[in-house]
Amino acid sequence: MGLERPKQYLTLGGKTMLEHSLGLFLDHARIAGVVVALAPQDPYWPQLKIAHTPRVHAVTGGDERAQSVLAGLRRLGEMAGQEDWVLVHDAARPCLDRGMIDRLMAELEQDPVGGLLALPARDTIKQAQEGRVAATLDRRQLWHAQTPQMFRLGALHAALTGAIAAGRAVTDESMAMELAGHAPRLVEGSADNLKITRREDLGLAEFILRRRAEGVQ
């Protein structure tokens, strides 16, 4: 985003993006604890009050998402069982709400694999080749992946470990599980659960959070 500090430490409505993302899980009665993967020598994290919450544990992440998530799972392995559920969430999705977490948990609690929040594609999707349209894809079969993504601790650890060992660049936890032979379940999420990747996303996220604070649905 071309900013002076990592985007997760930008302020939205008086709190950093990371505090918004973590707070929702810490306020949930069914979440036993939270692990945060950080950059080495992160100077911003110790300044946050939430960093000193007993249920929050910090680990050093890696160069890629899969390595950071794997570091978090190793830490969770010291506190949780291999069959316990874990939810992996992007810090850059501060507009997740309690209802989305509850829906994900309810739909996946008895699922043999787990799954993720996602949105059905609404636009016509083009496949590109050298700057030109190579094909028009059937959007009825396409979904936009979101987070949280919810899987058993042991199964996800094994899937990520296997993908990294095979040299596969996995872009989310569902992909790692797919490569391990599983078919994660898709649970419909919300457009409000946007991932902040560009400057213009900040204004939309502030609007969503302000509307929610005012009780407007």
C-alpha atoms as a PDB file:
ATOM      1  CA  MET A   1       0.000   0.000   0.000  1.00  0.00           C
ATOM      2  CA  GLY A   2       3.062   2.266  -0.006  1.00  0.00           C
ATOM      3  CA  LEU A   3       2.655   3.302   3.644  1.00  0.00           C
ATOM      4  CA  GLU A   4       5.188   3.936   6.394  1.00  0.00           C
ATOM      5  CA  ARG A   5       3.964   1.111   8.614  1.00  0.00           C
ATOM      6  CA  PRO A   6       2.453  -2.323   7.949  1.00  0.00           C
ATOM      7  CA  LYS A   7      -1.239  -2.022   7.097  1.00  0.00           C
ATOM      8  CA  GLN A   8      -2.348  -4.119  10.077  1.00  0.00           C
ATOM      9  CA  TYR A   9      -1.200  -1.281  12.338  1.00  0.00           C
ATOM     10  CA  LEU A  10      -3.213   1.409  10.572  1.00  0.00           C
ATOM     11  CA  THR A  11      -5.972   2.916  12.703  1.00  0.00           C
ATOM     12  CA  LEU A  12      -9.651   2.420  11.905  1.00  0.00           C
ATOM     13  CA  GLY A  13     -12.152   4.025  14.237  1.00  0.00           C
ATOM     14  CA  GLY A  14      -9.646   4.497  17.048  1.00  0.00           C
ATOM     15  CA  LYS A  15      -8.168   0.977  16.959  1.00  0.00           C
ATOM     16  CA  THR A  16      -5.598  -0.654  14.749  1.00  0.00           C
ATOM     17  CA  MET A  17      -6.735  -3.069  12.089  1.00  0.00           C
ATOM     18  CA  LEU A  18      -5.044  -5.873  14.009  1.00  0.00           C
ATOM     19  CA  GLU A  19      -6.915  -5.002  17.214  1.00  0.00           C
ATOM     20  CA  HIS A  20     -10.220  -5.141  15.356  1.00  0.00           C
ATOM     21  CA  SER A  21      -9.324  -8.535  13.869  1.00  0.00           C
ATOM     22  CA  LEU A  22      -8.125 -10.041  17.167  1.00  0.00           C
ATOM     23  CA  GLY A  23     -10.778  -8.534  19.422  1.00  0.00           C
ATOM     24  CA  LEU A  24     -13.642 -10.412  17.838  1.00  0.00           C
ATOM     25  CA  PHE A  25     -12.014 -13.771  18.558  1.00  0.00           C
ATOM     26  CA  LEU A  26     -11.002 -12.820  22.094  1.00  0.00           C
ATOM     27  CA  ASP A  27     -14.601 -11.820  22.841  1.00  0.00           C
ATOM     28  CA  HIS A  28     -15.940 -15.164  21.593  1.00  0.00           C
ATOM     29  CA  ALA A  29     -16.721 -17.622  24.386  1.00  0.00           C
ATOM     30  CA  ARG A  30     -15.701 -20.671  22.327  1.00  0.00           C
ATOM     31  CA  ILE A  31     -12.226 -19.382  21.418  1.00  0.00           C
ATOM     32  CA  ALA A  32      -9.686 -20.684  23.940  1.00  0.00           C
ATOM     33  CA  GLY A  33      -6.766 -18.562  22.778  1.00  0.00           C
ATOM     34  CA  VAL A  34      -5.202 -16.683  19.887  1.00  0.00           C
ATOM     35  CA  VAL A  35      -1.777 -16.949  18.255  1.00  0.00           C
ATOM     36  CA  VAL A  36      -0.444 -14.015  16.220  1.00  0.00           C
ATOM     37  CA  ALA A  37       2.329 -14.499  13.661  1.00  0.00           C
ATOM     38  CA  LEU A  38       4.586 -11.439  13.524  1.00  0.00           C
ATOM     39  CA  ALA A  39       7.523 -10.207  11.509  1.00  0.00           C
ATOM     40  CA  PRO A  40      10.915 -10.546  13.245  1.00  0.00           C
ATOM     41  CA  GLN A  41      11.582  -7.631  15.616  1.00  0.00           C
ATOM     42  CA  ASP A  42       8.132  -6.151  14.974  1.00  0.00           C
ATOM     43  CA  PRO A  43       8.363  -2.730  16.736  1.00  0.00           C
ATOM     44  CA  TYR A  44       4.610  -2.012  16.704  1.00  0.00           C
ATOM     45  CA  TRP A  45       3.159  -5.099  18.369  1.00  0.00           C
ATOM     46  CA  PRO A  46       4.573  -4.478  21.895  1.00  0.00           C
ATOM     47  CA  GLN A  47       2.937  -1.039  21.895  1.00  0.00           C
ATOM     48  CA  LEU A  48      -0.560  -2.507  21.722  1.00  0.00           C
ATOM     49  CA  LYS A  49      -2.467  -3.258  24.921  1.00  0.00           C
ATOM     50  CA  ILE A  50      -3.837  -6.429  23.362  1.00  0.00           C
ATOM     51  CA  ALA A  51      -0.277  -7.780  23.045  1.00  0.00           C
ATOM     52  CA  HIS A  52      -0.189  -8.232  26.817  1.00  0.00           C
ATOM     53  CA  THR A  53      -3.458 -10.169  27.055  1.00  0.00           C
ATOM     54  CA  PRO A  54      -2.805 -13.621  28.615  1.00  0.00           C
ATOM     55  CA  ARG A  55      -4.855 -15.451  25.963  1.00  0.00           C
ATOM     56  CA  VAL A  56      -2.795 -13.936  23.135  1.00  0.00           C
ATOM     57  CA  HIS A  57       0.455 -15.645  22.140  1.00  0.00           C
ATOM     58  CA  ALA A  58       2.920 -14.261  19.592  1.00  0.00           C
ATOM     59  CA  VAL A  59       5.231 -16.213  17.302  1.00  0.00           C
ATOM     60  CA  THR A  60       7.667 -15.189  14.595  1.00  0.00           C
ATOM     61  CA  GLY A  61       6.238 -15.863  11.164  1.00  0.00           C
ATOM     62  CA  GLY A  62       7.979 -16.750   7.915  1.00  0.00           C
ATOM     63  CA  ASP A  63       8.463 -15.275   4.482  1.00  0.00           C
ATOM     64  CA  GLU A  64       5.261 -16.869   3.164  1.00  0.00           C
ATOM     65  CA  ARG A  65       1.767 -17.237   4.574  1.00  0.00           C
ATOM     66  CA  ALA A  66       2.057 -21.016   4.899  1.00  0.00           C
ATOM     67  CA  GLN A  67       5.218 -20.688   6.987  1.00  0.00           C
ATOM     68  CA  SER A  68       3.594 -18.151   9.293  1.00  0.00           C
ATOM     69  CA  VAL A  69       0.495 -20.285   9.786  1.00  0.00           C
ATOM     70  CA  LEU A  70       2.655 -23.341  10.424  1.00  0.00           C
ATOM     71  CA  ALA A  71       4.574 -21.420  13.105  1.00  0.00           C
ATOM     72  CA  GLY A  72       1.259 -20.562  14.737  1.00  0.00           C
ATOM     73  CA  LEU A  73       0.104 -24.176  14.610  1.00  0.00           C
ATOM     74  CA  ARG A  74       3.312 -25.349  16.278  1.00  0.00           C
ATOM     75  CA  ARG A  75       2.616 -22.952  19.147  1.00  0.00           C
ATOM     76  CA  LEU A  76      -0.978 -24.128  19.371  1.00  0.00           C
ATOM     77  CA  GLY A  77       0.275 -27.706  19.469  1.00  0.00           C
ATOM     78  CA  GLU A  78       1.740 -26.939  22.889  1.00  0.00           C
ATOM     79  CA  MET A  79      -1.703 -26.002  24.222  1.00  0.00           C
ATOM     80  CA  ALA A  80      -4.279 -27.898  22.172  1.00  0.00           C
ATOM     81  CA  GLY A  81      -5.011 -31.393  20.912  1.00  0.00           C
ATOM     82  CA  GLN A  82      -4.555 -32.611  17.358  1.00  0.00           C
ATOM     83  CA  GLU A  83      -8.336 -32.942  16.906  1.00  0.00           C
ATOM     84  CA  ASP A  84      -9.105 -29.448  18.168  1.00  0.00           C
ATOM     85  CA  TRP A  85     -10.468 -26.973  15.661  1.00  0.00           C
ATOM     86  CA  VAL A  86      -8.350 -23.979  14.662  1.00  0.00           C
ATOM     87  CA  LEU A  87      -9.502 -20.910  12.761  1.00  0.00           C
ATOM     88  CA  VAL A  88      -6.985 -19.051  10.596  1.00  0.00           C
ATOM     89  CA  HIS A  89      -7.824 -15.410   9.915  1.00  0.00           C
ATOM     90  CA  ASP A  90      -6.195 -12.580   7.967  1.00  0.00           C
ATOM     91  CA  ALA A  91      -5.234  -9.552  10.059  1.00  0.00           C
ATOM     92  CA  ALA A  92      -6.224  -7.480   7.022  1.00  0.00           C
ATOM     93  CA  ARG A  93      -9.893  -8.500   7.414  1.00  0.00           C
ATOM     94  CA  PRO A  94     -10.990  -6.277  10.329  1.00  0.00           C
ATOM     95  CA  CYS A  95     -14.706  -6.265   9.395  1.00  0.00           C
ATOM     96  CA  LEU A  96     -15.470  -9.881  10.224  1.00  0.00           C
ATOM     97  CA  ASP A  97     -18.452 -10.087  12.584  1.00  0.00           C
ATOM     98  CA  ARG A  98     -19.623 -12.516  15.263  1.00  0.00           C
ATOM     99  CA  GLY A  99     -22.377 -13.896  13.055  1.00  0.00           C
ATOM    100  CA  MET A 100     -19.893 -15.061  10.425  1.00  0.00           C
ATOM    101  CA  ILE A 101     -17.821 -16.920  13.029  1.00  0.00           C
ATOM    102  CA  ASP A 102     -20.923 -18.542  14.520  1.00  0.00           C
ATOM    103  CA  ARG A 103     -22.172 -19.625  11.075  1.00  0.00           C
ATOM    104  CA  LEU A 104     -18.795 -21.120  10.170  1.00  0.00           C
ATOM    105  CA  MET A 105     -18.605 -23.035  13.443  1.00  0.00           C
ATOM    106  CA  ALA A 106     -22.191 -24.285  13.195  1.00  0.00           C
ATOM    107  CA  GLU A 107     -21.826 -25.581   9.649  1.00  0.00           C
ATOM    108  CA  LEU A 108     -18.423 -27.193  10.157  1.00  0.00           C
ATOM    109  CA  GLU A 109     -18.534 -28.566  13.685  1.00  0.00           C
ATOM    110  CA  GLN A 110     -19.610 -32.024  12.494  1.00  0.00           C
ATOM    111  CA  ASP A 111     -17.803 -31.855   9.144  1.00  0.00           C
ATOM    112  CA  PRO A 112     -15.069 -34.477   8.649  1.00  0.00           C
ATOM    113  CA  VAL A 113     -12.744 -32.005   6.892  1.00  0.00           C
ATOM    114  CA  GLY A 114     -13.536 -28.383   7.755  1.00  0.00           C
ATOM    115  CA  GLY A 115     -13.854 -25.457   5.425  1.00  0.00           C
ATOM    116  CA  LEU A 116     -13.861 -21.733   4.923  1.00  0.00           C
ATOM    117  CA  LEU A 117     -15.932 -18.628   4.498  1.00  0.00           C
ATOM    118  CA  ALA A 118     -16.285 -17.692   0.835  1.00  0.00           C
ATOM    119  CA  LEU A 119     -18.471 -15.688  -1.519  1.00  0.00           C
ATOM    120  CA  PRO A 120     -19.977 -16.899  -4.789  1.00  0.00           C
ATOM    121  CA  ALA A 121     -18.540 -14.970  -7.741  1.00  0.00           C
ATOM    122  CA  ARG A 122     -20.983 -12.317  -8.963  1.00  0.00           C
ATOM    123  CA  ASP A 123     -19.096 -10.850 -11.897  1.00  0.00           C
ATOM    124  CA  THR A 124     -18.234 -12.471 -15.190  1.00  0.00           C
ATOM    125  CA  ILE A 125     -14.738 -13.906 -14.765  1.00  0.00           C
ATOM    126  CA  LYS A 126     -12.207 -13.796 -17.588  1.00  0.00           C
ATOM    127  CA  GLN A 127      -9.118 -15.962 -17.871  1.00  0.00           C
ATOM    128  CA  ALA A 128      -6.255 -13.932 -19.311  1.00  0.00           C
ATOM    129  CA  GLN A 129      -3.293 -14.779 -21.490  1.00  0.00           C
ATOM    130  CA  GLU A 130      -0.749 -12.123 -22.442  1.00  0.00           C
ATOM    131  CA  GLY A 131      -3.173  -9.300 -21.723  1.00  0.00           C
ATOM    132  CA  ARG A 132      -6.040 -10.750 -23.739  1.00  0.00           C
ATOM    133  CA  VAL A 133      -9.059 -12.863 -22.851  1.00  0.00           C
ATOM    134  CA  ALA A 134      -8.296 -16.548 -23.264  1.00  0.00           C
ATOM    135  CA  ALA A 135     -11.618 -17.822 -21.898  1.00  0.00           C
ATOM    136  CA  THR A 136     -14.750 -16.860 -19.991  1.00  0.00           C
ATOM    137  CA  LEU A 137     -15.156 -19.028 -16.900  1.00  0.00           C
ATOM    138  CA  ASP A 138     -18.431 -20.351 -15.516  1.00  0.00           C
ATOM    139  CA  ARG A 139     -18.955 -18.146 -12.483  1.00  0.00           C
ATOM    140  CA  ARG A 140     -21.532 -20.582 -11.052  1.00  0.00           C
ATOM    141  CA  GLN A 141     -18.601 -22.790 -10.080  1.00  0.00           C
ATOM    142  CA  LEU A 142     -16.356 -20.009  -8.722  1.00  0.00           C
ATOM    143  CA  TRP A 143     -16.111 -18.630  -5.198  1.00  0.00           C
ATOM    144  CA  HIS A 144     -13.931 -15.915  -3.637  1.00  0.00           C
ATOM    145  CA  ALA A 145     -12.087 -17.419  -0.656  1.00  0.00           C
ATOM    146  CA  GLN A 146     -12.225 -15.507   2.629  1.00  0.00           C
ATOM    147  CA  THR A 147     -11.158 -16.169   6.199  1.00  0.00           C
ATOM    148  CA  PRO A 148     -11.534 -17.555   8.801  1.00  0.00           C
ATOM    149  CA  GLN A 149     -10.695 -20.992   7.481  1.00  0.00           C
ATOM    150  CA  MET A 150     -11.424 -23.762   9.968  1.00  0.00           C
ATOM    151  CA  PHE A 151      -9.683 -27.133  10.145  1.00  0.00           C
ATOM    152  CA  ARG A 152      -8.466 -29.666  12.705  1.00  0.00           C
ATOM    153  CA  LEU A 153      -5.080 -28.721  14.139  1.00  0.00           C
ATOM    154  CA  GLY A 154      -3.328 -31.977  13.261  1.00  0.00           C
ATOM    155  CA  ALA A 155      -4.749 -32.269   9.759  1.00  0.00           C
ATOM    156  CA  LEU A 156      -3.883 -28.693   8.848  1.00  0.00           C
ATOM    157  CA  HIS A 157      -0.379 -29.014  10.280  1.00  0.00           C
ATOM    158  CA  ALA A 158       0.211 -32.154   8.202  1.00  0.00           C
ATOM    159  CA  ALA A 159      -1.211 -30.554   5.045  1.00  0.00           C
ATOM    160  CA  LEU A 160       0.929 -27.416   5.322  1.00  0.00           C
ATOM    161  CA  THR A 161       4.045 -29.405   6.185  1.00  0.00           C
ATOM    162  CA  GLY A 162       3.500 -31.634   3.160  1.00  0.00           C
ATOM    163  CA  ALA A 163       2.883 -28.715   0.803  1.00  0.00           C
ATOM    164  CA  ILE A 164       6.015 -26.884   1.921  1.00  0.00           C
ATOM    165  CA  ALA A 165       8.119 -30.050   1.654  1.00  0.00           C
ATOM    166  CA  ALA A 166       6.825 -30.559  -1.888  1.00  0.00           C
ATOM    167  CA  GLY A 167       7.731 -26.999  -2.832  1.00  0.00           C
ATOM    168  CA  ARG A 168       4.104 -26.032  -3.484  1.00  0.00           C
ATOM    169  CA  ALA A 169       3.229 -22.353  -3.044  1.00  0.00           C
ATOM    170  CA  VAL A 170      -0.078 -22.495  -1.179  1.00  0.00           C
ATOM    171  CA  THR A 171      -2.025 -19.253  -0.968  1.00  0.00           C
ATOM    172  CA  ASP A 172      -4.426 -20.323   1.779  1.00  0.00           C
ATOM    173  CA  GLU A 173      -5.090 -23.182   4.178  1.00  0.00           C
ATOM    174  CA  SER A 174      -7.851 -24.643   2.028  1.00  0.00           C
ATOM    175  CA  MET A 175      -5.376 -25.098  -0.826  1.00  0.00           C
ATOM    176  CA  ALA A 176      -3.025 -27.031   1.457  1.00  0.00           C
ATOM    177  CA  MET A 177      -5.892 -29.288   2.511  1.00  0.00           C
ATOM    178  CA  GLU A 178      -6.910 -29.752  -1.144  1.00  0.00           C
ATOM    179  CA  LEU A 179      -3.374 -30.820  -2.047  1.00  0.00           C
ATOM    180  CA  ALA A 180      -3.551 -33.340   0.789  1.00  0.00           C
ATOM    181  CA  GLY A 181      -6.611 -34.900  -0.838  1.00  0.00           C
ATOM    182  CA  HIS A 182      -9.394 -33.207   1.129  1.00  0.00           C
ATOM    183  CA  ALA A 183     -12.421 -31.256  -0.129  1.00  0.00           C
ATOM    184  CA  PRO A 184     -13.083 -28.334   2.255  1.00  0.00           C
ATOM    185  CA  ARG A 185     -16.671 -27.145   2.632  1.00  0.00           C
ATOM    186  CA  LEU A 186     -17.641 -23.680   1.391  1.00  0.00           C
ATOM    187  CA  VAL A 187     -19.650 -21.602   3.875  1.00  0.00           C
ATOM    188  CA  GLU A 188     -21.138 -18.420   2.455  1.00  0.00           C
ATOM    189  CA  GLY A 189     -19.611 -15.329   4.025  1.00  0.00           C
ATOM    190  CA  SER A 190     -20.312 -11.635   3.562  1.00  0.00           C
ATOM    191  CA  ALA A 191     -19.090  -8.858   1.298  1.00  0.00           C
ATOM    192  CA  ASP A 192     -18.438  -6.862   4.489  1.00  0.00           C
ATOM    193  CA  ASN A 193     -15.591  -9.267   5.281  1.00  0.00           C
ATOM    194  CA  LEU A 194     -13.316  -7.506   2.829  1.00  0.00           C
ATOM    195  CA  LYS A 195      -9.545  -7.863   2.748  1.00  0.00           C
ATOM    196  CA  ILE A 196      -7.774  -4.521   2.818  1.00  0.00           C
ATOM    197  CA  THR A 197      -5.215  -4.484   0.023  1.00  0.00           C
ATOM    198  CA  ARG A 198      -5.470  -0.948  -1.403  1.00  0.00           C
ATOM    199  CA  ARG A 199      -5.751   2.521   0.075  1.00  0.00           C
ATOM    200  CA  GLU A 200      -9.350   2.894  -1.095  1.00  0.00           C
ATOM    201  CA  ASP A 201     -10.312  -0.160   0.968  1.00  0.00           C
ATOM    202  CA  LEU A 202      -9.592   1.765   4.167  1.00  0.00           C
ATOM    203  CA  GLY A 203     -12.516   4.132   3.688  1.00  0.00           C
ATOM    204  CA  LEU A 204     -14.922   1.270   3.026  1.00  0.00           C
ATOM    205  CA  ALA A 205     -13.709  -0.617   6.104  1.00  0.00           C
ATOM    206  CA  GLU A 206     -14.164   2.492   8.268  1.00  0.00           C
ATOM    207  CA  PHE A 207     -17.689   2.898   6.919  1.00  0.00           C
ATOM    208  CA  ILE A 208     -18.580  -0.736   7.709  1.00  0.00           C
ATOM    209  CA  LEU A 209     -17.149  -0.541  11.225  1.00  0.00           C
ATOM    210  CA  ARG A 210     -18.827   2.811  11.949  1.00  0.00           C
ATOM    211  CA  ARG A 211     -22.187   1.554  10.673  1.00  0.00           C
ATOM    212  CA  ARG A 212     -21.863  -1.545  12.851  1.00  0.00           C
ATOM    213  CA  ALA A 213     -20.949   0.523  15.923  1.00  0.00           C
ATOM    214  CA  GLU A 214     -24.090   2.595  15.347  1.00  0.00           C
ATOM    215  CA  GLY A 215     -26.182  -0.543  15.155  1.00  0.00           C
ATOM    216  CA  VAL A 216     -27.031  -0.141  11.480  1.00  0.00           C
ATOM    217  CA  GLN A 217     -27.388  -3.412   9.539  1.00  0.00           C
END
